[in-house]
Every structure is written in C-alpha cells, then in structure tokens.
Amino acid sequence: MNHPVNDSGILLRPVLAPDIDAVLAFWAQAAEGTSISDDRAGVARLIDRDPGALLLAVPGGEPGEPAASGAQAAGPVVGSVIAGFDGWRCHLYRLAVHPAHRRRGVASALLAAAEARFAALGGRRGDAMVLDRNAAAHHAWRAAGYAPQPQWSRWVKPLG
C-alpha cells in the first residue's frame, strides 16, 4: 500500500523494521505527549503483530508517483498514524504530522488510509486517543468527522 498524498510528493506506506528509529525520532519531535510503548521493542512488537497498522507519510520520488511495491520510500517521516484493529474495535493512535508539513492534507490522507484499512478488515467505527490539552488536535479530529464521547473516560493500568 503505497499511496500518494495529493500532488505533494508525499507517500503513505506501512512502516518497515528499518524505520523504527526514524519513527521514534519523529514522534519525539512531532507528536504530543509520550506513550509507555515509545521504544524500539514496542514499535517492533506492533510491526510483528500487525504489519499494516502503523502508517507513515514520507517524501517519495516525483509528486503523485507511488514508490515501487514493497520498496522503502526515501526521506524522513513527516506523518504517522497507528490504525489498530483487534477484531472488535478500530483504534487510532499517534496521528502526528511534522510541523513543517502541517495544513497540507497529510493528516487527512493518513486518516483516510486508516479508515480504508478498517473498512477492509470489517471495522464499523473508529475511536481515537486524543489528549484533552491538545486543542489543535481537537480541531483536526472534528474536521475529520470525529467527536468526543463525554460519557466515557479512559482507565489505565501500566503492566509490568
């Protein structure tokens, strides 16, 4: 799945094992907040369990021209989303776009690709993890058709 984003020369593709360090560096720079799984082992487990879940936006060749099937596109990570499906729910995490690439349709393209993935897997509704304090993200999620559910709260317990 290598798809161009508009005519910007940005491609969407699944993460590959050699991308792990670039993804972690990207999240440290562009993502709001951190996760307990933001390490090489956590990303490697995700890739092993569900190779198509972590989608990247990367610069690639000529604008509008996808990379060869299975090829790693050149350039740094400029966007990401994790589109996890557990067979019951469709979960979205780590939607992030590099500040220099924001407002160019990268997040919209990542979400569209995630939603297409969910539909292909039989998913019925996507839910997103969005920090309460991230007002810019709230605008982006609302623009994409998502809304908070005030009757739910996230409860967590670190394991191990």
N, C-alpha and C. Protein backbone atom coordinates (compact mmCIF):
# COMPACT_ATOMS: atom_id res chain seq x y z
N MET A 1 0.83 -1.17 0.00
CA MET A 1 0.00 0.00 0.00
C MET A 1 0.88 1.24 0.00
N ASN A 2 1.24 1.72 -1.12
CA ASN A 2 1.94 2.99 -1.26
C ASN A 2 1.02 3.92 -2.01
N HIS A 3 0.59 4.99 -1.35
CA HIS A 3 -0.36 5.92 -1.95
C HIS A 3 0.18 7.34 -1.87
N PRO A 4 0.07 8.10 -2.97
CA PRO A 4 0.50 9.50 -2.92
C PRO A 4 -0.51 10.35 -2.14
N VAL A 5 -0.04 11.41 -1.52
CA VAL A 5 -0.89 12.40 -0.86
C VAL A 5 -1.00 13.57 -1.81
N ASN A 6 -2.17 13.76 -2.40
CA ASN A 6 -2.38 14.84 -3.37
C ASN A 6 -1.25 14.83 -4.40
N ASP A 7 -0.74 15.99 -4.75
CA ASP A 7 0.39 16.06 -5.67
C ASP A 7 1.62 16.61 -4.95
N SER A 8 1.70 16.34 -3.65
CA SER A 8 2.73 16.91 -2.80
C SER A 8 4.05 16.15 -2.82
N GLY A 9 4.09 14.97 -3.43
CA GLY A 9 5.30 14.16 -3.38
C GLY A 9 5.43 13.39 -2.09
N ILE A 10 4.38 13.40 -1.25
CA ILE A 10 4.37 12.63 -0.01
C ILE A 10 3.64 11.32 -0.28
N LEU A 11 4.22 10.24 0.17
CA LEU A 11 3.62 8.92 0.01
C LEU A 11 3.19 8.37 1.36
N LEU A 12 2.14 7.57 1.35
CA LEU A 12 1.71 6.82 2.53
C LEU A 12 2.10 5.37 2.33
N ARG A 13 2.67 4.78 3.38
CA ARG A 13 3.07 3.38 3.31
C ARG A 13 3.15 2.81 4.71
N PRO A 14 3.04 1.48 4.82
CA PRO A 14 3.21 0.85 6.14
C PRO A 14 4.66 0.99 6.61
N VAL A 15 4.84 1.01 7.90
CA VAL A 15 6.18 1.07 8.49
C VAL A 15 6.93 -0.21 8.17
N LEU A 16 8.23 -0.11 8.07
CA LEU A 16 9.11 -1.26 7.91
C LEU A 16 10.07 -1.30 9.09
N ALA A 17 10.59 -2.45 9.40
CA ALA A 17 11.50 -2.58 10.55
C ALA A 17 12.64 -1.56 10.51
N PRO A 18 13.26 -1.27 9.35
CA PRO A 18 14.34 -0.28 9.35
C PRO A 18 13.89 1.14 9.69
N ASP A 19 12.58 1.38 9.74
CA ASP A 19 12.05 2.71 10.04
C ASP A 19 11.93 3.01 11.53
N ILE A 20 12.12 2.02 12.38
CA ILE A 20 11.80 2.18 13.80
C ILE A 20 12.48 3.40 14.42
N ASP A 21 13.79 3.55 14.23
CA ASP A 21 14.49 4.69 14.84
C ASP A 21 13.96 6.02 14.30
N ALA A 22 13.69 6.08 13.00
CA ALA A 22 13.15 7.31 12.41
C ALA A 22 11.77 7.62 12.96
N VAL A 23 10.95 6.60 13.18
CA VAL A 23 9.61 6.81 13.75
C VAL A 23 9.72 7.35 15.17
N LEU A 24 10.58 6.76 15.97
CA LEU A 24 10.74 7.23 17.35
C LEU A 24 11.26 8.66 17.40
N ALA A 25 12.21 8.99 16.54
CA ALA A 25 12.72 10.36 16.48
C ALA A 25 11.63 11.31 16.02
N PHE A 26 10.83 10.89 15.04
CA PHE A 26 9.71 11.71 14.56
C PHE A 26 8.71 11.97 15.69
N TRP A 27 8.31 10.93 16.41
CA TRP A 27 7.35 11.11 17.50
C TRP A 27 7.89 12.05 18.57
N ALA A 28 9.18 11.95 18.86
CA ALA A 28 9.77 12.84 19.87
C ALA A 28 9.68 14.30 19.44
N GLN A 29 9.71 14.54 18.14
CA GLN A 29 9.67 15.91 17.62
C GLN A 29 8.26 16.39 17.31
N ALA A 30 7.41 15.53 16.75
CA ALA A 30 6.14 15.99 16.19
C ALA A 30 4.90 15.56 16.95
N ALA A 31 4.98 14.50 17.75
CA ALA A 31 3.80 14.00 18.45
C ALA A 31 3.65 14.70 19.80
N GLU A 32 2.43 14.87 20.21
CA GLU A 32 2.12 15.48 21.50
C GLU A 32 2.10 14.37 22.55
N GLY A 33 2.89 14.52 23.59
CA GLY A 33 2.90 13.52 24.65
C GLY A 33 3.73 12.30 24.27
N THR A 34 3.88 11.40 25.23
CA THR A 34 4.62 10.17 25.00
C THR A 34 3.77 8.99 25.47
N SER A 35 4.17 7.83 25.04
CA SER A 35 3.48 6.60 25.39
C SER A 35 4.46 5.65 26.04
N ILE A 36 3.95 4.78 26.86
CA ILE A 36 4.78 3.77 27.51
C ILE A 36 5.42 2.83 26.48
N SER A 37 4.83 2.79 25.27
CA SER A 37 5.34 1.91 24.22
C SER A 37 6.26 2.61 23.22
N ASP A 38 6.66 3.84 23.50
CA ASP A 38 7.53 4.59 22.60
C ASP A 38 8.98 4.16 22.76
N ASP A 39 9.25 2.94 22.33
CA ASP A 39 10.61 2.44 22.33
C ASP A 39 10.74 1.41 21.21
N ARG A 40 11.98 1.01 20.92
CA ARG A 40 12.20 0.08 19.81
C ARG A 40 11.41 -1.21 19.98
N ALA A 41 11.40 -1.75 21.19
CA ALA A 41 10.69 -3.02 21.43
C ALA A 41 9.19 -2.86 21.20
N GLY A 42 8.63 -1.75 21.64
CA GLY A 42 7.19 -1.53 21.47
C GLY A 42 6.80 -1.42 20.01
N VAL A 43 7.56 -0.66 19.24
CA VAL A 43 7.25 -0.50 17.81
C VAL A 43 7.50 -1.82 17.08
N ALA A 44 8.56 -2.52 17.43
CA ALA A 44 8.85 -3.82 16.80
C ALA A 44 7.72 -4.81 17.06
N ARG A 45 7.18 -4.84 18.28
CA ARG A 45 6.05 -5.73 18.59
C ARG A 45 4.84 -5.39 17.72
N LEU A 46 4.58 -4.10 17.56
CA LEU A 46 3.46 -3.68 16.72
C LEU A 46 3.65 -4.16 15.28
N ILE A 47 4.85 -3.96 14.74
CA ILE A 47 5.14 -4.39 13.36
C ILE A 47 4.99 -5.90 13.23
N ASP A 48 5.49 -6.66 14.20
CA ASP A 48 5.41 -8.12 14.15
C ASP A 48 3.96 -8.60 14.23
N ARG A 49 3.18 -7.99 15.11
CA ARG A 49 1.80 -8.43 15.33
C ARG A 49 0.88 -8.00 14.21
N ASP A 50 1.05 -6.77 13.72
CA ASP A 50 0.14 -6.22 12.72
C ASP A 50 0.91 -5.29 11.79
N PRO A 51 1.58 -5.86 10.79
CA PRO A 51 2.47 -5.08 9.93
C PRO A 51 1.83 -3.88 9.22
N GLY A 52 0.53 -3.89 9.02
CA GLY A 52 -0.12 -2.77 8.34
C GLY A 52 -0.70 -1.71 9.24
N ALA A 53 -0.54 -1.86 10.55
CA ALA A 53 -1.20 -0.93 11.48
C ALA A 53 -0.55 0.44 11.54
N LEU A 54 0.75 0.52 11.48
CA LEU A 54 1.44 1.81 11.57
C LEU A 54 1.70 2.33 10.17
N LEU A 55 1.00 3.40 9.82
CA LEU A 55 1.13 4.02 8.50
C LEU A 55 1.99 5.26 8.60
N LEU A 56 2.87 5.43 7.63
CA LEU A 56 3.77 6.57 7.60
C LEU A 56 3.50 7.43 6.37
N ALA A 57 3.73 8.72 6.52
CA ALA A 57 3.80 9.64 5.39
C ALA A 57 5.27 9.99 5.24
N VAL A 58 5.80 9.77 4.04
CA VAL A 58 7.21 10.00 3.77
C VAL A 58 7.36 10.69 2.42
N PRO A 59 8.42 11.50 2.26
CA PRO A 59 8.69 12.06 0.93
C PRO A 59 9.04 10.91 -0.02
N GLY A 60 8.59 11.02 -1.25
CA GLY A 60 8.91 9.97 -2.21
C GLY A 60 9.00 10.54 -3.61
N GLY A 61 9.90 10.08 -4.40
CA GLY A 61 10.08 10.43 -5.80
C GLY A 61 9.35 11.64 -6.33
N GLU A 62 8.80 11.48 -7.50
CA GLU A 62 8.09 12.56 -8.17
C GLU A 62 6.72 12.75 -7.52
N PRO A 63 6.24 13.99 -7.43
CA PRO A 63 4.92 14.22 -6.87
C PRO A 63 3.87 13.36 -7.56
N GLY A 64 3.03 12.71 -6.74
CA GLY A 64 1.94 11.91 -7.27
C GLY A 64 2.34 10.53 -7.76
N GLU A 65 3.61 10.18 -7.62
CA GLU A 65 4.10 8.89 -8.13
C GLU A 65 4.43 7.98 -6.95
N PRO A 66 3.68 6.86 -6.79
CA PRO A 66 3.95 5.99 -5.64
C PRO A 66 5.28 5.26 -5.79
N ALA A 67 5.84 4.88 -4.66
CA ALA A 67 7.07 4.07 -4.67
C ALA A 67 6.74 2.69 -5.20
N ALA A 68 7.75 1.99 -5.69
CA ALA A 68 7.55 0.64 -6.17
C ALA A 68 6.99 -0.22 -5.04
N SER A 69 6.15 -1.16 -5.38
CA SER A 69 5.52 -2.02 -4.38
C SER A 69 6.57 -2.68 -3.50
N GLY A 70 6.41 -2.53 -2.20
CA GLY A 70 7.33 -3.13 -1.26
C GLY A 70 8.62 -2.36 -1.05
N ALA A 71 8.84 -1.31 -1.84
CA ALA A 71 10.07 -0.54 -1.70
C ALA A 71 9.95 0.46 -0.57
N GLN A 72 11.05 0.75 0.06
CA GLN A 72 11.05 1.77 1.09
C GLN A 72 11.26 3.11 0.42
N ALA A 73 10.33 4.04 0.65
CA ALA A 73 10.46 5.37 0.06
C ALA A 73 11.59 6.11 0.75
N ALA A 74 12.21 7.01 0.00
CA ALA A 74 13.32 7.79 0.54
C ALA A 74 12.78 8.91 1.44
N GLY A 75 13.63 9.41 2.29
CA GLY A 75 13.29 10.60 3.05
C GLY A 75 12.82 10.32 4.45
N PRO A 76 12.71 11.37 5.25
CA PRO A 76 12.32 11.24 6.66
C PRO A 76 10.81 11.05 6.81
N VAL A 77 10.40 10.65 7.98
CA VAL A 77 8.99 10.51 8.31
C VAL A 77 8.41 11.92 8.50
N VAL A 78 7.29 12.21 7.84
CA VAL A 78 6.63 13.51 8.02
C VAL A 78 5.24 13.35 8.63
N GLY A 79 4.76 12.11 8.77
CA GLY A 79 3.46 11.88 9.39
C GLY A 79 3.29 10.43 9.76
N SER A 80 2.39 10.19 10.74
CA SER A 80 2.13 8.81 11.15
C SER A 80 0.73 8.70 11.72
N VAL A 81 0.22 7.48 11.69
CA VAL A 81 -0.98 7.11 12.44
C VAL A 81 -0.90 5.61 12.68
N ILE A 82 -1.32 5.19 13.85
CA ILE A 82 -1.47 3.77 14.13
C ILE A 82 -2.96 3.47 14.00
N ALA A 83 -3.28 2.53 13.12
CA ALA A 83 -4.66 2.11 12.87
C ALA A 83 -4.79 0.67 13.32
N GLY A 84 -5.00 0.48 14.62
CA GLY A 84 -5.06 -0.85 15.20
C GLY A 84 -6.47 -1.41 15.20
N PHE A 85 -6.59 -2.66 14.81
CA PHE A 85 -7.89 -3.33 14.81
C PHE A 85 -7.73 -4.64 15.56
N ASP A 86 -8.53 -4.83 16.60
CA ASP A 86 -8.42 -6.03 17.42
C ASP A 86 -9.48 -7.08 17.08
N GLY A 87 -10.18 -6.88 15.98
CA GLY A 87 -11.25 -7.78 15.59
C GLY A 87 -12.61 -7.31 16.07
N TRP A 88 -12.61 -6.32 16.95
CA TRP A 88 -13.84 -5.79 17.53
C TRP A 88 -13.91 -4.28 17.38
N ARG A 89 -12.83 -3.60 17.72
CA ARG A 89 -12.80 -2.14 17.68
C ARG A 89 -11.65 -1.66 16.80
N CYS A 90 -11.87 -0.48 16.23
CA CYS A 90 -10.86 0.18 15.41
C CYS A 90 -10.29 1.33 16.23
N HIS A 91 -9.02 1.26 16.55
CA HIS A 91 -8.38 2.25 17.42
C HIS A 91 -7.34 3.06 16.65
N LEU A 92 -7.38 4.36 16.83
CA LEU A 92 -6.43 5.27 16.18
C LEU A 92 -5.54 5.90 17.24
N TYR A 93 -4.24 5.83 17.01
CA TYR A 93 -3.25 6.39 17.92
C TYR A 93 -2.18 7.09 17.10
N ARG A 94 -1.46 7.95 17.74
CA ARG A 94 -0.23 8.55 17.21
C ARG A 94 -0.41 9.24 15.86
N LEU A 95 -1.58 9.89 15.66
CA LEU A 95 -1.72 10.74 14.48
C LEU A 95 -0.85 11.96 14.73
N ALA A 96 0.15 12.13 13.90
CA ALA A 96 1.07 13.25 14.05
C ALA A 96 1.59 13.64 12.68
N VAL A 97 1.82 14.93 12.51
CA VAL A 97 2.41 15.46 11.27
C VAL A 97 3.52 16.41 11.68
N HIS A 98 4.65 16.31 10.99
CA HIS A 98 5.77 17.21 11.25
C HIS A 98 5.30 18.66 11.09
N PRO A 99 5.70 19.55 11.99
CA PRO A 99 5.24 20.94 11.90
C PRO A 99 5.45 21.59 10.53
N ALA A 100 6.51 21.26 9.82
CA ALA A 100 6.76 21.87 8.51
C ALA A 100 5.82 21.34 7.42
N HIS A 101 5.08 20.28 7.71
CA HIS A 101 4.20 19.67 6.72
C HIS A 101 2.72 19.78 7.09
N ARG A 102 2.41 20.51 8.14
CA ARG A 102 1.01 20.63 8.57
C ARG A 102 0.23 21.53 7.62
N ARG A 103 -1.08 21.33 7.62
CA ARG A 103 -2.03 22.11 6.80
C ARG A 103 -1.83 21.85 5.31
N ARG A 104 -1.37 20.64 4.97
CA ARG A 104 -1.16 20.26 3.57
C ARG A 104 -1.92 18.99 3.20
N GLY A 105 -2.79 18.51 4.08
CA GLY A 105 -3.58 17.33 3.79
C GLY A 105 -2.96 16.02 4.23
N VAL A 106 -1.82 16.06 4.91
CA VAL A 106 -1.15 14.83 5.32
C VAL A 106 -1.98 14.08 6.36
N ALA A 107 -2.46 14.76 7.39
CA ALA A 107 -3.27 14.09 8.42
C ALA A 107 -4.56 13.55 7.82
N SER A 108 -5.19 14.31 6.96
CA SER A 108 -6.42 13.85 6.32
C SER A 108 -6.17 12.59 5.50
N ALA A 109 -5.06 12.56 4.78
CA ALA A 109 -4.73 11.39 3.97
C ALA A 109 -4.42 10.18 4.86
N LEU A 110 -3.70 10.40 5.96
CA LEU A 110 -3.41 9.31 6.89
C LEU A 110 -4.71 8.75 7.47
N LEU A 111 -5.62 9.62 7.88
CA LEU A 111 -6.89 9.15 8.44
C LEU A 111 -7.72 8.42 7.39
N ALA A 112 -7.74 8.91 6.17
CA ALA A 112 -8.49 8.23 5.10
C ALA A 112 -7.92 6.83 4.86
N ALA A 113 -6.60 6.70 4.88
CA ALA A 113 -5.96 5.40 4.70
C ALA A 113 -6.29 4.47 5.88
N ALA A 114 -6.27 5.01 7.09
CA ALA A 114 -6.60 4.22 8.27
C ALA A 114 -8.05 3.74 8.20
N GLU A 115 -8.96 4.64 7.81
CA GLU A 115 -10.37 4.27 7.73
C GLU A 115 -10.60 3.24 6.62
N ALA A 116 -9.88 3.35 5.52
CA ALA A 116 -9.99 2.35 4.45
C ALA A 116 -9.49 1.00 4.95
N ARG A 117 -8.42 1.01 5.73
CA ARG A 117 -7.90 -0.23 6.31
C ARG A 117 -8.95 -0.86 7.21
N PHE A 118 -9.57 -0.05 8.07
CA PHE A 118 -10.60 -0.56 8.97
C PHE A 118 -11.77 -1.16 8.19
N ALA A 119 -12.23 -0.46 7.18
CA ALA A 119 -13.36 -0.95 6.38
C ALA A 119 -13.01 -2.29 5.72
N ALA A 120 -11.80 -2.41 5.21
CA ALA A 120 -11.37 -3.66 4.57
C ALA A 120 -11.32 -4.81 5.57
N LEU A 121 -11.06 -4.50 6.83
CA LEU A 121 -10.99 -5.52 7.88
C LEU A 121 -12.35 -5.81 8.51
N GLY A 122 -13.37 -5.06 8.11
CA GLY A 122 -14.71 -5.26 8.67
C GLY A 122 -15.03 -4.38 9.86
N GLY A 123 -14.19 -3.40 10.13
CA GLY A 123 -14.43 -2.50 11.24
C GLY A 123 -15.64 -1.61 10.99
N ARG A 124 -16.30 -1.21 12.07
CA ARG A 124 -17.52 -0.43 11.95
C ARG A 124 -17.42 0.99 12.49
N ARG A 125 -16.49 1.24 13.40
CA ARG A 125 -16.37 2.57 13.97
C ARG A 125 -14.95 2.75 14.49
N GLY A 126 -14.38 3.90 14.19
CA GLY A 126 -13.04 4.20 14.69
C GLY A 126 -13.12 5.05 15.94
N ASP A 127 -12.21 4.79 16.86
CA ASP A 127 -12.08 5.67 18.02
C ASP A 127 -10.64 6.15 18.10
N ALA A 128 -10.48 7.34 18.61
CA ALA A 128 -9.16 7.98 18.63
C ALA A 128 -8.75 8.36 20.04
N MET A 129 -7.48 8.20 20.33
CA MET A 129 -6.90 8.68 21.58
C MET A 129 -6.40 10.10 21.31
N VAL A 130 -7.02 11.09 21.97
CA VAL A 130 -6.68 12.49 21.75
C VAL A 130 -6.49 13.14 23.12
N LEU A 131 -5.35 13.77 23.32
CA LEU A 131 -5.08 14.43 24.60
C LEU A 131 -6.05 15.59 24.81
N ASP A 132 -6.58 15.69 26.01
CA ASP A 132 -7.51 16.78 26.34
C ASP A 132 -6.89 18.15 26.12
N ARG A 133 -5.62 18.29 26.39
CA ARG A 133 -4.97 19.60 26.31
C ARG A 133 -4.54 19.99 24.89
N ASN A 134 -4.68 19.09 23.92
CA ASN A 134 -4.20 19.34 22.56
C ASN A 134 -5.31 19.95 21.70
N ALA A 135 -5.53 21.25 21.86
CA ALA A 135 -6.61 21.94 21.15
C ALA A 135 -6.46 21.86 19.63
N ALA A 136 -5.25 21.93 19.13
CA ALA A 136 -5.05 21.84 17.68
C ALA A 136 -5.52 20.48 17.16
N ALA A 137 -5.25 19.44 17.92
CA ALA A 137 -5.69 18.10 17.51
C ALA A 137 -7.21 18.01 17.54
N HIS A 138 -7.84 18.65 18.52
CA HIS A 138 -9.30 18.61 18.58
C HIS A 138 -9.90 19.16 17.29
N HIS A 139 -9.35 20.23 16.79
CA HIS A 139 -9.84 20.82 15.54
C HIS A 139 -9.67 19.83 14.38
N ALA A 140 -8.52 19.20 14.30
CA ALA A 140 -8.24 18.25 13.21
C ALA A 140 -9.18 17.05 13.27
N TRP A 141 -9.38 16.51 14.47
CA TRP A 141 -10.27 15.36 14.60
C TRP A 141 -11.71 15.73 14.27
N ARG A 142 -12.16 16.88 14.75
CA ARG A 142 -13.53 17.30 14.42
C ARG A 142 -13.69 17.50 12.92
N ALA A 143 -12.70 18.10 12.28
CA ALA A 143 -12.76 18.32 10.83
C ALA A 143 -12.84 16.99 10.08
N ALA A 144 -12.31 15.94 10.66
CA ALA A 144 -12.35 14.62 10.03
C ALA A 144 -13.63 13.85 10.37
N GLY A 145 -14.53 14.47 11.15
CA GLY A 145 -15.80 13.85 11.47
C GLY A 145 -15.86 13.11 12.80
N TYR A 146 -14.82 13.23 13.62
CA TYR A 146 -14.80 12.58 14.93
C TYR A 146 -15.32 13.54 15.99
N ALA A 147 -15.87 12.98 17.07
CA ALA A 147 -16.38 13.80 18.18
C ALA A 147 -16.10 13.07 19.49
N PRO A 148 -15.85 13.83 20.54
CA PRO A 148 -15.63 13.18 21.84
C PRO A 148 -16.93 12.57 22.38
N GLN A 149 -16.80 11.54 23.17
CA GLN A 149 -17.94 10.94 23.84
C GLN A 149 -17.82 11.27 25.32
N PRO A 150 -18.60 12.23 25.81
CA PRO A 150 -18.44 12.67 27.20
C PRO A 150 -18.79 11.62 28.24
N GLN A 151 -19.51 10.58 27.86
CA GLN A 151 -19.90 9.57 28.83
C GLN A 151 -18.81 8.53 29.10
N TRP A 152 -17.67 8.62 28.39
CA TRP A 152 -16.60 7.65 28.56
C TRP A 152 -15.36 8.32 29.13
N SER A 153 -14.63 7.60 29.94
CA SER A 153 -13.31 8.01 30.41
C SER A 153 -12.36 6.85 30.17
N ARG A 154 -11.13 7.17 29.94
CA ARG A 154 -10.11 6.15 29.74
C ARG A 154 -9.54 5.76 31.10
N TRP A 155 -9.52 4.50 31.39
CA TRP A 155 -8.94 3.97 32.62
C TRP A 155 -7.72 3.14 32.23
N VAL A 156 -6.61 3.36 32.88
CA VAL A 156 -5.38 2.66 32.52
C VAL A 156 -4.69 2.06 33.73
N LYS A 157 -3.90 1.04 33.49
CA LYS A 157 -3.05 0.44 34.49
C LYS A 157 -1.79 -0.04 33.79
N PRO A 158 -0.62 0.54 34.10
CA PRO A 158 0.61 0.03 33.49
C PRO A 158 0.84 -1.41 33.91
N LEU A 159 1.26 -2.22 32.97
CA LEU A 159 1.54 -3.63 33.23
C LEU A 159 3.05 -3.84 33.29
N GLY A 160 3.49 -4.41 34.37
CA GLY A 160 4.90 -4.75 34.49
C GLY A 160 5.82 -3.68 34.84
